[in-house]
Amino acid sequence: MKTLVSERGQVVIPKKIRETIHIGKGDELEIEVVGETVVLKPIRRFKAKKWQDYAGIGEGIVAAHLKDKKKEKNDEDVYP
């Protein structure tokens, strides 16, 4: 599939692809550059409907947060 880059540097992700990877308006994407390839990955966050949904997930959230922070630090070191 092809898409164009707008004057403002925006790119439209075709509807078929958005539906395939289940992304929509307002979803966050991680962008990574690998050589001359741009990789977009959806950022999946836990969305609780009520406070009970949070029970027992603290340890996993802390581990994921620390992993994200470490990756951000490594990315800063690579791309000044």
C-alpha atoms as a PDB file:
ATOM      1  CA  MET A   1       0.000   0.000   0.000  1.00  0.00           C
ATOM      2  CA  LYS A   2       1.048   3.570  -0.586  1.00  0.00           C
ATOM      3  CA  THR A   3       0.347   6.821   1.202  1.00  0.00           C
ATOM      4  CA  LEU A   4       1.602  10.393   0.859  1.00  0.00           C
ATOM      5  CA  VAL A   5       3.326  12.729   3.295  1.00  0.00           C
ATOM      6  CA  SER A   6       1.494  16.062   3.659  1.00  0.00           C
ATOM      7  CA  GLU A   7       3.166  19.485   3.718  1.00  0.00           C
ATOM      8  CA  ARG A   8       3.069  19.306   7.522  1.00  0.00           C
ATOM      9  CA  GLY A   9       4.757  15.884   7.583  1.00  0.00           C
ATOM     10  CA  GLN A  10       1.551  13.979   8.345  1.00  0.00           C
ATOM     11  CA  VAL A  11       0.863  10.491   7.022  1.00  0.00           C
ATOM     12  CA  VAL A  12      -2.527   8.796   6.705  1.00  0.00           C
ATOM     13  CA  ILE A  13      -2.565   5.148   7.750  1.00  0.00           C
ATOM     14  CA  PRO A  14      -5.015   3.421   5.395  1.00  0.00           C
ATOM     15  CA  LYS A  15      -8.294   2.246   6.962  1.00  0.00           C
ATOM     16  CA  LYS A  16      -7.611  -1.429   6.189  1.00  0.00           C
ATOM     17  CA  ILE A  17      -4.349  -1.293   8.178  1.00  0.00           C
ATOM     18  CA  ARG A  18      -5.954   0.637  11.077  1.00  0.00           C
ATOM     19  CA  GLU A  19      -8.681  -1.990  11.307  1.00  0.00           C
ATOM     20  CA  THR A  20      -6.181  -4.855  11.114  1.00  0.00           C
ATOM     21  CA  ILE A  21      -4.102  -3.594  14.056  1.00  0.00           C
ATOM     22  CA  HIS A  22      -7.091  -2.136  15.936  1.00  0.00           C
ATOM     23  CA  ILE A  23      -6.052   1.514  16.159  1.00  0.00           C
ATOM     24  CA  GLY A  24      -8.274   4.561  15.975  1.00  0.00           C
ATOM     25  CA  LYS A  25      -8.464   8.281  16.582  1.00  0.00           C
ATOM     26  CA  GLY A  26      -6.415   9.326  19.607  1.00  0.00           C
ATOM     27  CA  ASP A  27      -4.464   6.068  19.945  1.00  0.00           C
ATOM     28  CA  GLU A  28      -0.764   6.449  20.681  1.00  0.00           C
ATOM     29  CA  LEU A  29       1.877   4.942  18.416  1.00  0.00           C
ATOM     30  CA  GLU A  30       5.543   4.352  19.114  1.00  0.00           C
ATOM     31  CA  ILE A  31       7.771   5.344  16.209  1.00  0.00           C
ATOM     32  CA  GLU A  32      11.122   3.703  15.598  1.00  0.00           C
ATOM     33  CA  VAL A  33      13.684   4.184  12.849  1.00  0.00           C
ATOM     34  CA  VAL A  34      15.530   1.081  11.671  1.00  0.00           C
ATOM     35  CA  GLY A  35      17.967   2.013   8.936  1.00  0.00           C
ATOM     36  CA  GLU A  36      15.769   3.750   6.365  1.00  0.00           C
ATOM     37  CA  THR A  37      12.595   2.049   7.618  1.00  0.00           C
ATOM     38  CA  VAL A  38      10.033   3.713   9.883  1.00  0.00           C
ATOM     39  CA  VAL A  39       8.218   1.320  12.216  1.00  0.00           C
ATOM     40  CA  LEU A  40       4.973   2.346  13.944  1.00  0.00           C
ATOM     41  CA  LYS A  41       3.735   0.238  16.863  1.00  0.00           C
ATOM     42  CA  PRO A  42       0.496   0.788  18.786  1.00  0.00           C
ATOM     43  CA  ILE A  43       0.983   1.507  22.473  1.00  0.00           C
ATOM     44  CA  ARG A  44      -1.440  -0.682  24.396  1.00  0.00           C
ATOM     45  CA  ARG A  45      -2.384   0.621  27.809  1.00  0.00           C
ATOM     46  CA  PHE A  46      -4.513  -1.057  30.435  1.00  0.00           C
ATOM     47  CA  LYS A  47      -7.865   0.689  30.622  1.00  0.00           C
ATOM     48  CA  ALA A  48      -9.775  -0.043  33.827  1.00  0.00           C
ATOM     49  CA  LYS A  49     -13.539   0.330  33.874  1.00  0.00           C
ATOM     50  CA  LYS A  50     -13.679   0.396  37.698  1.00  0.00           C
ATOM     51  CA  TRP A  51     -11.181   0.527  40.566  1.00  0.00           C
ATOM     52  CA  GLN A  52     -11.397  -3.265  41.140  1.00  0.00           C
ATOM     53  CA  ASP A  53      -9.781  -3.791  37.746  1.00  0.00           C
ATOM     54  CA  TYR A  54      -6.546  -2.425  39.229  1.00  0.00           C
ATOM     55  CA  ALA A  55      -6.329  -5.086  41.964  1.00  0.00           C
ATOM     56  CA  GLY A  56      -3.162  -7.187  41.656  1.00  0.00           C
ATOM     57  CA  ILE A  57      -1.611  -5.394  38.675  1.00  0.00           C
ATOM     58  CA  GLY A  58       0.757  -3.034  40.512  1.00  0.00           C
ATOM     59  CA  GLU A  59       3.853  -5.170  40.114  1.00  0.00           C
ATOM     60  CA  GLY A  60       3.388  -5.533  36.361  1.00  0.00           C
ATOM     61  CA  ILE A  61       2.751  -1.823  35.905  1.00  0.00           C
ATOM     62  CA  VAL A  62       5.917  -0.891  37.802  1.00  0.00           C
ATOM     63  CA  ALA A  63       7.986  -3.368  35.768  1.00  0.00           C
ATOM     64  CA  ALA A  64       6.523  -2.055  32.480  1.00  0.00           C
ATOM     65  CA  HIS A  65       7.118   1.562  33.550  1.00  0.00           C
ATOM     66  CA  LEU A  66      10.755   0.864  34.431  1.00  0.00           C
ATOM     67  CA  LYS A  67      11.231  -0.949  31.112  1.00  0.00           C
ATOM     68  CA  ASP A  68       9.729   2.035  29.225  1.00  0.00           C
ATOM     69  CA  LYS A  69      11.966   4.488  31.087  1.00  0.00           C
ATOM     70  CA  LYS A  70      15.060   2.393  30.332  1.00  0.00           C
ATOM     71  CA  LYS A  71      14.113   2.260  26.622  1.00  0.00           C
ATOM     72  CA  GLU A  72      13.552   6.056  26.570  1.00  0.00           C
ATOM     73  CA  LYS A  73      16.990   6.594  28.134  1.00  0.00           C
ATOM     74  CA  ASN A  74      18.607   4.267  25.571  1.00  0.00           C
ATOM     75  CA  ASP A  75      16.777   6.042  22.717  1.00  0.00           C
ATOM     76  CA  GLU A  76      18.028   9.419  23.977  1.00  0.00           C
ATOM     77  CA  ASP A  77      21.582   8.097  23.935  1.00  0.00           C
ATOM     78  CA  VAL A  78      21.220   6.916  20.315  1.00  0.00           C
ATOM     79  CA  TYR A  79      19.398   9.953  18.875  1.00  0.00           C
ATOM     80  CA  PRO A  80      20.837  13.152  20.397  1.00  0.00           C
END
